[in-house]
């Protein structure tokens, strides 16, 4: 997303509708705990943070888990 920082978009979407389900797909080298602390996402759920590359089957499982338990 060249025009928008994903983290800012996440905050805007959640502020508009807190029930929206969002999964980050990232190639970031941040480990989850570092990401959570450094970016100010203290309540960010680990299962919403997926590292690339990710296979289709794993992505579908993550989406289903989020929809089922989110």
PDB file of N, CA and C in Angstrom:
ATOM      1  N   UNK A   1       0.841  -1.167   0.000  1.00  0.00           N
ATOM      2  CA  UNK A   1       0.000   0.000   0.000  1.00  0.00           C
ATOM      3  C   UNK A   1       0.892   1.238   0.000  1.00  0.00           C
ATOM      4  N   UNK A   2       1.250   1.716  -1.148  1.00  0.00           N
ATOM      5  CA  UNK A   2       2.217   2.804  -1.237  1.00  0.00           C
ATOM      6  C   UNK A   2       1.746   4.129  -0.645  1.00  0.00           C
ATOM      7  N   UNK A   3       0.458   4.391  -0.601  1.00  0.00           N
ATOM      8  CA  UNK A   3      -0.040   5.678  -0.133  1.00  0.00           C
ATOM      9  C   UNK A   3      -0.431   5.681   1.349  1.00  0.00           C
ATOM     10  N   UNK A   4      -0.568   4.479   1.958  1.00  0.00           N
ATOM     11  CA  UNK A   4      -1.085   4.378   3.317  1.00  0.00           C
ATOM     12  C   UNK A   4      -0.203   3.441   4.133  1.00  0.00           C
ATOM     13  N   UNK A   5       0.078   3.841   5.373  1.00  0.00           N
ATOM     14  CA  UNK A   5       0.791   2.963   6.286  1.00  0.00           C
ATOM     15  C   UNK A   5      -0.241   2.021   6.898  1.00  0.00           C
ATOM     16  N   UNK A   6       0.001   0.719   6.801  1.00  0.00           N
ATOM     17  CA  UNK A   6      -0.964  -0.270   7.248  1.00  0.00           C
ATOM     18  C   UNK A   6      -1.397  -0.124   8.694  1.00  0.00           C
ATOM     19  N   UNK A   7      -0.472   0.238   9.572  1.00  0.00           N
ATOM     20  CA  UNK A   7      -0.796   0.377  10.990  1.00  0.00           C
ATOM     21  C   UNK A   7      -1.776   1.522  11.220  1.00  0.00           C
ATOM     22  N   UNK A   8      -1.597   2.610  10.489  1.00  0.00           N
ATOM     23  CA  UNK A   8      -2.524   3.741  10.608  1.00  0.00           C
ATOM     24  C   UNK A   8      -3.900   3.378  10.058  1.00  0.00           C
ATOM     25  N   UNK A   9      -3.918   2.643   8.959  1.00  0.00           N
ATOM     26  CA  UNK A   9      -5.184   2.199   8.390  1.00  0.00           C
ATOM     27  C   UNK A   9      -5.909   1.281   9.377  1.00  0.00           C
ATOM     28  N   UNK A  10      -5.170   0.387  10.024  1.00  0.00           N
ATOM     29  CA  UNK A  10      -5.739  -0.502  11.044  1.00  0.00           C
ATOM     30  C   UNK A  10      -6.430   0.318  12.139  1.00  0.00           C
ATOM     31  N   UNK A  11      -5.735   1.316  12.639  1.00  0.00           N
ATOM     32  CA  UNK A  11      -6.306   2.154  13.705  1.00  0.00           C
ATOM     33  C   UNK A  11      -7.577   2.865  13.246  1.00  0.00           C
ATOM     34  N   UNK A  12      -7.571   3.385  12.021  1.00  0.00           N
ATOM     35  CA  UNK A  12      -8.745   4.089  11.496  1.00  0.00           C
ATOM     36  C   UNK A  12      -9.931   3.146  11.341  1.00  0.00           C
ATOM     37  N   UNK A  13      -9.676   1.967  10.806  1.00  0.00           N
ATOM     38  CA  UNK A  13     -10.757   0.995  10.615  1.00  0.00           C
ATOM     39  C   UNK A  13     -11.335   0.583  11.960  1.00  0.00           C
ATOM     40  N   UNK A  14     -10.469   0.275  12.927  1.00  0.00           N
ATOM     41  CA  UNK A  14     -10.929  -0.157  14.246  1.00  0.00           C
ATOM     42  C   UNK A  14     -11.693   0.963  14.965  1.00  0.00           C
ATOM     43  N   UNK A  15     -11.288   2.202  14.748  1.00  0.00           N
ATOM     44  CA  UNK A  15     -11.990   3.327  15.365  1.00  0.00           C
ATOM     45  C   UNK A  15     -13.388   3.491  14.765  1.00  0.00           C
ATOM     46  N   UNK A  16     -13.525   3.151  13.494  1.00  0.00           N
ATOM     47  CA  UNK A  16     -14.809   3.244  12.812  1.00  0.00           C
ATOM     48  C   UNK A  16     -15.729   2.090  13.195  1.00  0.00           C
ATOM     49  N   UNK A  17     -15.153   0.866  13.227  1.00  0.00           N
ATOM     50  CA  UNK A  17     -15.938  -0.327  13.559  1.00  0.00           C
ATOM     51  C   UNK A  17     -15.022  -1.341  14.228  1.00  0.00           C
ATOM     52  N   UNK A  18     -15.105  -1.440  15.532  1.00  0.00           N
ATOM     53  CA  UNK A  18     -14.244  -2.317  16.304  1.00  0.00           C
ATOM     54  C   UNK A  18     -14.475  -3.794  16.072  1.00  0.00           C
ATOM     55  N   UNK A  19     -15.552  -4.148  15.374  1.00  0.00           N
ATOM     56  CA  UNK A  19     -15.859  -5.559  15.115  1.00  0.00           C
ATOM     57  C   UNK A  19     -15.221  -6.090  13.838  1.00  0.00           C
ATOM     58  N   UNK A  20     -14.652  -5.209  13.039  1.00  0.00           N
ATOM     59  CA  UNK A  20     -14.030  -5.609  11.784  1.00  0.00           C
ATOM     60  C   UNK A  20     -12.830  -6.500  12.085  1.00  0.00           C
ATOM     61  N   UNK A  21     -12.701  -7.591  11.323  1.00  0.00           N
ATOM     62  CA  UNK A  21     -11.582  -8.526  11.481  1.00  0.00           C
ATOM     63  C   UNK A  21     -10.481  -8.142  10.496  1.00  0.00           C
ATOM     64  N   UNK A  22      -9.249  -8.042  11.009  1.00  0.00           N
ATOM     65  CA  UNK A  22      -8.113  -7.637  10.178  1.00  0.00           C
ATOM     66  C   UNK A  22      -6.945  -8.568  10.443  1.00  0.00           C
ATOM     67  N   UNK A  23      -6.298  -9.005   9.368  1.00  0.00           N
ATOM     68  CA  UNK A  23      -5.078  -9.802   9.472  1.00  0.00           C
ATOM     69  C   UNK A  23      -3.983  -9.048   8.741  1.00  0.00           C
ATOM     70  N   UNK A  24      -2.839  -8.881   9.402  1.00  0.00           N
ATOM     71  CA  UNK A  24      -1.665  -8.295   8.764  1.00  0.00           C
ATOM     72  C   UNK A  24      -0.846  -9.395   8.116  1.00  0.00           C
ATOM     73  N   UNK A  25      -0.523  -9.219   6.852  1.00  0.00           N
ATOM     74  CA  UNK A  25       0.434 -10.069   6.166  1.00  0.00           C
ATOM     75  C   UNK A  25       1.674  -9.221   5.973  1.00  0.00           C
ATOM     76  N   UNK A  26       2.773  -9.652   6.531  1.00  0.00           N
ATOM     77  CA  UNK A  26       3.960  -8.814   6.508  1.00  0.00           C
ATOM     78  C   UNK A  26       5.219  -9.626   6.282  1.00  0.00           C
ATOM     79  N   UNK A  27       6.188  -8.995   5.690  1.00  0.00           N
ATOM     80  CA  UNK A  27       7.501  -9.595   5.529  1.00  0.00           C
ATOM     81  C   UNK A  27       8.455  -9.027   6.578  1.00  0.00           C
ATOM     82  N   UNK A  28       7.901  -8.291   7.520  1.00  0.00           N
ATOM     83  CA  UNK A  28       8.689  -7.629   8.555  1.00  0.00           C
ATOM     84  C   UNK A  28       9.539  -8.610   9.335  1.00  0.00           C
ATOM     85  N   UNK A  29      10.689  -8.154   9.727  1.00  0.00           N
ATOM     86  CA  UNK A  29      11.579  -8.969  10.539  1.00  0.00           C
ATOM     87  C   UNK A  29      11.275  -8.844  12.025  1.00  0.00           C
ATOM     88  N   UNK A  30      10.317  -7.981  12.374  1.00  0.00           N
ATOM     89  CA  UNK A  30       9.939  -7.832  13.779  1.00  0.00           C
ATOM     90  C   UNK A  30       9.347  -9.126  14.297  1.00  0.00           C
ATOM     91  N   UNK A  31       9.751  -9.524  15.446  1.00  0.00           N
ATOM     92  CA  UNK A  31       9.065 -10.608  16.131  1.00  0.00           C
ATOM     93  C   UNK A  31       7.820  -9.986  16.740  1.00  0.00           C
ATOM     94  N   UNK A  32       6.824 -10.807  16.985  1.00  0.00           N
ATOM     95  CA  UNK A  32       5.534 -10.307  17.432  1.00  0.00           C
ATOM     96  C   UNK A  32       5.652  -9.405  18.651  1.00  0.00           C
ATOM     97  N   UNK A  33       6.360  -9.821  19.688  1.00  0.00           N
ATOM     98  CA  UNK A  33       6.453  -9.028  20.918  1.00  0.00           C
ATOM     99  C   UNK A  33       7.122  -7.678  20.667  1.00  0.00           C
ATOM    100  N   UNK A  34       8.169  -7.659  19.865  1.00  0.00           N
ATOM    101  CA  UNK A  34       8.842  -6.399  19.542  1.00  0.00           C
ATOM    102  C   UNK A  34       7.882  -5.485  18.782  1.00  0.00           C
ATOM    103  N   UNK A  35       7.195  -6.043  17.818  1.00  0.00           N
ATOM    104  CA  UNK A  35       6.240  -5.285  17.016  1.00  0.00           C
ATOM    105  C   UNK A  35       5.177  -4.672  17.914  1.00  0.00           C
ATOM    106  N   UNK A  36       4.614  -5.490  18.794  1.00  0.00           N
ATOM    107  CA  UNK A  36       3.530  -5.054  19.671  1.00  0.00           C
ATOM    108  C   UNK A  36       3.984  -3.909  20.565  1.00  0.00           C
ATOM    109  N   UNK A  37       5.140  -4.021  21.147  1.00  0.00           N
ATOM    110  CA  UNK A  37       5.644  -2.995  22.067  1.00  0.00           C
ATOM    111  C   UNK A  37       6.087  -1.732  21.328  1.00  0.00           C
ATOM    112  N   UNK A  38       6.831  -1.910  20.259  1.00  0.00           N
ATOM    113  CA  UNK A  38       7.395  -0.763  19.561  1.00  0.00           C
ATOM    114  C   UNK A  38       6.350   0.039  18.793  1.00  0.00           C
ATOM    115  N   UNK A  39       5.338  -0.588  18.312  1.00  0.00           N
ATOM    116  CA  UNK A  39       4.326   0.088  17.501  1.00  0.00           C
ATOM    117  C   UNK A  39       3.114   0.528  18.313  1.00  0.00           C
ATOM    118  N   UNK A  40       3.076   0.185  19.603  1.00  0.00           N
ATOM    119  CA  UNK A  40       1.971   0.623  20.447  1.00  0.00           C
ATOM    120  C   UNK A  40       0.696  -0.174  20.284  1.00  0.00           C
ATOM    121  N   UNK A  41       0.810  -1.419  19.878  1.00  0.00           N
ATOM    122  CA  UNK A  41      -0.349  -2.289  19.712  1.00  0.00           C
ATOM    123  C   UNK A  41      -0.423  -3.268  20.872  1.00  0.00           C
ATOM    124  N   UNK A  42      -0.581  -2.749  22.079  1.00  0.00           N
ATOM    125  CA  UNK A  42      -0.571  -3.601  23.262  1.00  0.00           C
ATOM    126  C   UNK A  42      -1.675  -4.649  23.257  1.00  0.00           C
ATOM    127  N   UNK A  43      -2.812  -4.338  22.655  1.00  0.00           N
ATOM    128  CA  UNK A  43      -3.914  -5.299  22.626  1.00  0.00           C
ATOM    129  C   UNK A  43      -4.015  -6.039  21.298  1.00  0.00           C
ATOM    130  N   UNK A  44      -2.988  -5.963  20.495  1.00  0.00           N
ATOM    131  CA  UNK A  44      -2.969  -6.600  19.185  1.00  0.00           C
ATOM    132  C   UNK A  44      -2.826  -8.107  19.344  1.00  0.00           C
ATOM    133  N   UNK A  45      -3.720  -8.866  18.754  1.00  0.00           N
ATOM    134  CA  UNK A  45      -3.714 -10.319  18.893  1.00  0.00           C
ATOM    135  C   UNK A  45      -2.660 -10.950  17.988  1.00  0.00           C
ATOM    136  N   UNK A  46      -1.911 -11.870  18.534  1.00  0.00           N
ATOM    137  CA  UNK A  46      -0.820 -12.493  17.783  1.00  0.00           C
ATOM    138  C   UNK A  46      -1.313 -13.218  16.536  1.00  0.00           C
ATOM    139  N   UNK A  47      -2.488 -13.820  16.605  1.00  0.00           N
ATOM    140  CA  UNK A  47      -2.969 -14.585  15.454  1.00  0.00           C
ATOM    141  C   UNK A  47      -3.328 -13.697  14.264  1.00  0.00           C
ATOM    142  N   UNK A  48      -3.344 -12.384  14.453  1.00  0.00           N
ATOM    143  CA  UNK A  48      -3.639 -11.472  13.362  1.00  0.00           C
ATOM    144  C   UNK A  48      -2.383 -11.001  12.634  1.00  0.00           C
ATOM    145  N   UNK A  49      -1.243 -11.452  13.091  1.00  0.00           N
ATOM    146  CA  UNK A  49       0.041 -11.022  12.567  1.00  0.00           C
ATOM    147  C   UNK A  49       0.706 -12.219  11.885  1.00  0.00           C
ATOM    148  N   UNK A  50       0.611 -12.303  10.559  1.00  0.00           N
ATOM    149  CA  UNK A  50       1.138 -13.438   9.808  1.00  0.00           C
ATOM    150  C   UNK A  50       2.326 -13.003   8.968  1.00  0.00           C
ATOM    151  N   UNK A  51       3.378 -13.794   9.014  1.00  0.00           N
ATOM    152  CA  UNK A  51       4.578 -13.456   8.243  1.00  0.00           C
ATOM    153  C   UNK A  51       4.564 -14.128   6.890  1.00  0.00           C
ATOM    154  N   UNK A  52       5.003 -13.380   5.887  1.00  0.00           N
ATOM    155  CA  UNK A  52       5.166 -13.912   4.540  1.00  0.00           C
ATOM    156  C   UNK A  52       6.489 -14.656   4.468  1.00  0.00           C
ATOM    157  N   UNK A  53       6.627 -15.597   3.618  1.00  0.00           N
ATOM    158  CA  UNK A  53       5.578 -16.172   2.778  1.00  0.00           C
ATOM    159  C   UNK A  53       4.674 -17.077   3.607  1.00  0.00           C
ATOM    160  N   UNK A  54       3.443 -17.157   3.202  1.00  0.00           N
ATOM    161  CA  UNK A  54       2.471 -18.019   3.864  1.00  0.00           C
ATOM    162  C   UNK A  54       1.704 -18.770   2.783  1.00  0.00           C
ATOM    163  N   UNK A  55       1.537 -20.050   2.986  1.00  0.00           N
ATOM    164  CA  UNK A  55       0.817 -20.872   2.022  1.00  0.00           C
ATOM    165  C   UNK A  55      -0.675 -20.607   2.073  1.00  0.00           C
ATOM    166  N   UNK A  56      -1.339 -20.911   0.995  1.00  0.00           N
ATOM    167  CA  UNK A  56      -2.776 -20.685   0.897  1.00  0.00           C
ATOM    168  C   UNK A  56      -3.527 -21.413   1.997  1.00  0.00           C
ATOM    169  N   UNK A  57      -3.177 -22.666   2.245  1.00  0.00           N
ATOM    170  CA  UNK A  57      -3.866 -23.456   3.263  1.00  0.00           C
ATOM    171  C   UNK A  57      -3.704 -22.828   4.652  1.00  0.00           C
ATOM    172  N   UNK A  58      -2.494 -22.377   4.973  1.00  0.00           N
ATOM    173  CA  UNK A  58      -2.255 -21.731   6.269  1.00  0.00           C
ATOM    174  C   UNK A  58      -3.019 -20.412   6.395  1.00  0.00           C
ATOM    175  N   UNK A  59      -3.104 -19.669   5.307  1.00  0.00           N
ATOM    176  CA  UNK A  59      -3.843 -18.412   5.319  1.00  0.00           C
ATOM    177  C   UNK A  59      -5.338 -18.667   5.533  1.00  0.00           C
ATOM    178  N   UNK A  60      -5.871 -19.649   4.840  1.00  0.00           N
ATOM    179  CA  UNK A  60      -7.289 -19.995   4.997  1.00  0.00           C
ATOM    180  C   UNK A  60      -7.561 -20.440   6.433  1.00  0.00           C
ATOM    181  N   UNK A  61      -6.675 -21.227   7.013  1.00  0.00           N
ATOM    182  CA  UNK A  61      -6.845 -21.658   8.411  1.00  0.00           C
ATOM    183  C   UNK A  61      -6.842 -20.459   9.361  1.00  0.00           C
ATOM    184  N   UNK A  62      -5.942 -19.519   9.132  1.00  0.00           N
ATOM    185  CA  UNK A  62      -5.869 -18.332   9.987  1.00  0.00           C
ATOM    186  C   UNK A  62      -7.142 -17.496   9.869  1.00  0.00           C
ATOM    187  N   UNK A  63      -7.654 -17.347   8.669  1.00  0.00           N
ATOM    188  CA  UNK A  63      -8.889 -16.586   8.455  1.00  0.00           C
ATOM    189  C   UNK A  63     -10.051 -17.290   9.142  1.00  0.00           C
ATOM    190  N   UNK A  64     -10.153 -18.594   8.966  1.00  0.00           N
ATOM    191  CA  UNK A  64     -11.228 -19.337   9.613  1.00  0.00           C
ATOM    192  C   UNK A  64     -11.154 -19.240  11.131  1.00  0.00           C
ATOM    193  N   UNK A  65      -9.949 -19.309  11.664  1.00  0.00           N
ATOM    194  CA  UNK A  65      -9.773 -19.185  13.122  1.00  0.00           C
ATOM    195  C   UNK A  65     -10.225 -17.803  13.602  1.00  0.00           C
ATOM    196  N   UNK A  66      -9.844 -16.786  12.872  1.00  0.00           N
ATOM    197  CA  UNK A  66     -10.228 -15.423  13.234  1.00  0.00           C
ATOM    198  C   UNK A  66     -11.754 -15.253  13.188  1.00  0.00           C
ATOM    199  N   UNK A  67     -12.388 -15.780  12.169  1.00  0.00           N
ATOM    200  CA  UNK A  67     -13.836 -15.654  12.048  1.00  0.00           C
ATOM    201  C   UNK A  67     -14.576 -16.486  13.088  1.00  0.00           C
ATOM    202  N   UNK A  68     -14.005 -17.620  13.428  1.00  0.00           N
ATOM    203  CA  UNK A  68     -14.635 -18.522  14.391  1.00  0.00           C
ATOM    204  C   UNK A  68     -14.527 -18.028  15.817  1.00  0.00           C
ATOM    205  N   UNK A  69     -13.346 -17.535  16.195  1.00  0.00           N
ATOM    206  CA  UNK A  69     -13.087 -17.189  17.582  1.00  0.00           C
ATOM    207  C   UNK A  69     -12.980 -15.695  17.811  1.00  0.00           C
ATOM    208  N   UNK A  70     -12.922 -14.916  16.742  1.00  0.00           N
ATOM    209  CA  UNK A  70     -12.700 -13.489  16.884  1.00  0.00           C
ATOM    210  C   UNK A  70     -13.881 -12.801  17.433  1.00  0.00           C
TER     211      UNK A  70
END
